[in-house]
Amino acid sequence: MKLSTRGRYGLKAMVDLSVEYGRGRLAVSALAEKQGISDAYLEQLIGVLKRAGLVRSSRGAQGGYTLSRPPEQISVEEVLRALEGTTDLIDCVGVDSVDCESACSCSARPLWLKLQSRINEVLKTTTLKDMADDYTVQKRRNENEENLS
């Protein structure tokens, strides 16, 4: 499975929203700056996430975006499916359809199925809170290393 920039940047934005969850809303400009991408591109990604019911928005001076549910209730799988459409490793292991004429006789298919199963398991069981917690620990570690230098 190779994630597009859409999946990577969208997931990172969701992690940023998770870190800030409960502290208010984040403006697209603040999120885009953290990602190093344009406001317009991130607005497109947020629009997809909003239509999927993962993000809420509000307008006005205090407007911005927040998660629609607590981060521990949103799986990485939900986010990536909204952004990417599928998390299939290759076409012959798809849940919705198998797009391969030799799927039944393919000697490598059992391996692809095992890999897909593990990928699905990790994506389903990893929440945005898990990612936000890991990110926070990583940031602290980097800050501590910088302070020691």
Protein backbone atom coordinates (compact mmCIF):
# COMPACT_ATOMS: atom_id res chain seq x y z
CA MET A 1 0.00 0.00 0.00
CA LYS A 2 1.47 3.30 -1.05
CA LEU A 3 -0.27 6.31 0.43
CA SER A 4 -0.75 9.38 -1.68
CA THR A 5 0.09 12.87 -0.42
CA ARG A 6 -3.64 13.19 0.16
CA GLY A 7 -3.57 10.33 2.69
CA ARG A 8 -0.32 11.39 4.34
CA TYR A 9 -1.16 15.08 4.77
CA GLY A 10 -4.77 14.38 5.71
CA LEU A 11 -3.74 11.92 8.40
CA LYS A 12 -1.13 14.33 9.76
CA ALA A 13 -3.75 17.08 9.94
CA MET A 14 -6.04 14.72 11.85
CA VAL A 15 -3.23 13.99 14.31
CA ASP A 16 -2.72 17.75 14.78
CA LEU A 17 -6.45 18.12 15.46
CA SER A 18 -6.18 15.23 17.93
CA VAL A 19 -3.33 16.88 19.83
CA GLU A 20 -5.44 20.03 20.16
CA TYR A 21 -8.74 18.21 20.83
CA GLY A 22 -10.70 19.85 23.64
CA ARG A 23 -8.69 23.10 23.47
CA GLY A 24 -10.69 24.77 20.73
CA ARG A 25 -10.70 24.87 16.98
CA LEU A 26 -7.76 25.12 14.61
CA ALA A 27 -7.76 27.33 11.54
CA VAL A 28 -6.79 25.82 8.20
CA SER A 29 -3.91 28.28 7.98
CA ALA A 30 -2.43 26.98 11.26
CA LEU A 31 -2.81 23.36 10.17
CA ALA A 32 -1.39 24.05 6.70
CA GLU A 33 1.60 25.86 8.18
CA LYS A 34 2.39 22.86 10.42
CA GLN A 35 2.25 20.59 7.36
CA GLY A 36 4.12 22.93 5.03
CA ILE A 37 1.34 22.79 2.43
CA SER A 38 -1.01 25.34 0.92
CA ASP A 39 -4.22 26.38 2.67
CA ALA A 40 -6.17 25.52 -0.49
CA TYR A 41 -4.86 21.94 -0.66
CA LEU A 42 -5.51 21.32 3.02
CA GLU A 43 -8.98 22.83 2.67
CA GLN A 44 -9.72 20.18 0.03
CA LEU A 45 -8.56 17.40 2.36
CA ILE A 46 -10.53 18.79 5.29
CA GLY A 47 -13.60 18.95 3.03
CA VAL A 48 -13.30 15.22 2.34
CA LEU A 49 -12.88 14.49 6.06
CA LYS A 50 -15.85 16.71 6.88
CA ARG A 51 -18.07 14.89 4.35
CA ALA A 52 -16.96 11.61 5.93
CA GLY A 53 -18.18 12.90 9.30
CA LEU A 54 -14.73 12.96 10.89
CA VAL A 55 -14.31 16.74 11.20
CA ARG A 56 -16.61 19.62 12.19
CA SER A 57 -16.20 23.25 11.26
CA SER A 58 -17.39 26.60 12.49
CA ARG A 59 -17.14 30.04 10.94
CA GLY A 60 -16.27 33.35 12.41
CA ALA A 61 -13.41 34.88 14.37
CA GLN A 62 -13.10 31.81 16.61
CA GLY A 63 -13.88 29.44 13.76
CA GLY A 64 -11.89 26.55 12.50
CA TYR A 65 -11.91 22.79 12.61
CA THR A 66 -12.13 20.14 15.27
CA LEU A 67 -12.67 16.40 15.33
CA SER A 68 -16.30 15.29 15.25
CA ARG A 69 -15.60 12.67 17.94
CA PRO A 70 -12.92 12.16 20.57
CA PRO A 71 -9.63 11.00 19.03
CA GLU A 72 -9.81 7.64 20.81
CA GLN A 73 -13.01 6.93 18.85
CA ILE A 74 -11.56 7.53 15.38
CA SER A 75 -9.43 4.82 13.80
CA VAL A 76 -6.65 5.43 11.32
CA GLU A 77 -8.56 3.11 8.98
CA GLU A 78 -11.56 5.50 8.94
CA VAL A 79 -9.33 8.42 8.06
CA LEU A 80 -7.42 6.62 5.31
CA ARG A 81 -10.55 5.11 3.78
CA ALA A 82 -12.08 8.60 3.60
CA LEU A 83 -8.98 10.05 1.97
CA GLU A 84 -7.72 7.15 -0.14
CA GLY A 85 -10.89 5.17 -0.82
CA THR A 86 -9.13 1.88 -0.13
CA THR A 87 -6.31 0.55 1.97
CA ASP A 88 -5.72 -2.49 -0.21
CA LEU A 89 -2.11 -3.53 -0.64
CA ILE A 90 -2.74 -4.71 -4.19
CA ASP A 91 -5.84 -5.24 -6.32
CA CYS A 92 -6.09 -9.01 -5.78
CA VAL A 93 -6.72 -8.68 -2.03
CA GLY A 94 -9.52 -6.12 -2.19
CA VAL A 95 -12.46 -6.48 0.14
CA ASP A 96 -14.91 -4.96 -2.33
CA SER A 97 -13.70 -6.82 -5.41
CA VAL A 98 -10.81 -8.88 -6.69
CA ASP A 99 -9.36 -7.33 -9.83
CA CYS A 100 -7.12 -10.16 -11.00
CA GLU A 101 -7.86 -12.95 -13.43
CA SER A 102 -5.28 -15.29 -11.87
CA ALA A 103 -6.17 -14.68 -8.20
CA CYS A 104 -7.20 -18.30 -7.67
CA SER A 105 -3.99 -19.71 -9.15
CA CYS A 106 -1.51 -17.10 -7.92
CA SER A 107 1.29 -18.57 -5.79
CA ALA A 108 1.95 -15.23 -4.07
CA ARG A 109 -1.68 -14.44 -3.18
CA PRO A 110 -1.58 -16.18 0.25
CA LEU A 111 1.28 -13.88 1.26
CA TRP A 112 -0.56 -10.78 0.00
CA LEU A 113 -3.65 -11.85 1.96
CA LYS A 114 -1.60 -12.26 5.17
CA LEU A 115 0.01 -8.86 4.69
CA GLN A 116 -3.35 -7.23 3.96
CA SER A 117 -4.84 -8.81 7.07
CA ARG A 118 -2.06 -7.39 9.28
CA ILE A 119 -2.32 -3.96 7.66
CA ASN A 120 -6.08 -3.94 8.25
CA GLU A 121 -5.59 -5.00 11.86
CA VAL A 122 -3.11 -2.19 12.58
CA LEU A 123 -5.25 0.44 10.84
CA LYS A 124 -8.43 -0.66 12.67
CA THR A 125 -6.84 -0.84 16.12
CA THR A 126 -4.74 2.33 15.93
CA THR A 127 -6.66 5.44 16.89
CA LEU A 128 -5.89 9.09 16.37
CA LYS A 129 -5.29 9.32 20.12
CA ASP A 130 -2.61 6.62 19.82
CA MET A 131 -0.93 8.58 17.05
CA ALA A 132 -1.24 11.89 18.92
CA ASP A 133 0.26 10.34 22.07
CA ASP A 134 3.16 8.86 20.09
CA TYR A 135 3.71 12.18 18.33
CA THR A 136 3.73 14.10 21.63
CA VAL A 137 6.33 11.72 23.09
CA GLN A 138 8.43 12.04 19.94
CA LYS A 139 8.28 15.86 20.08
CA ARG A 140 9.34 15.90 23.75
CA ARG A 141 12.22 13.53 23.05
CA ASN A 142 13.43 15.75 20.21
CA GLU A 143 13.12 18.88 22.37
CA ASN A 144 15.08 17.22 25.18
CA GLU A 145 17.82 16.19 22.75
CA GLU A 146 18.03 19.74 21.41
CA ASN A 147 18.28 21.14 24.96
CA LEU A 148 21.17 18.77 25.73
CA SER A 149 23.11 19.89 22.66
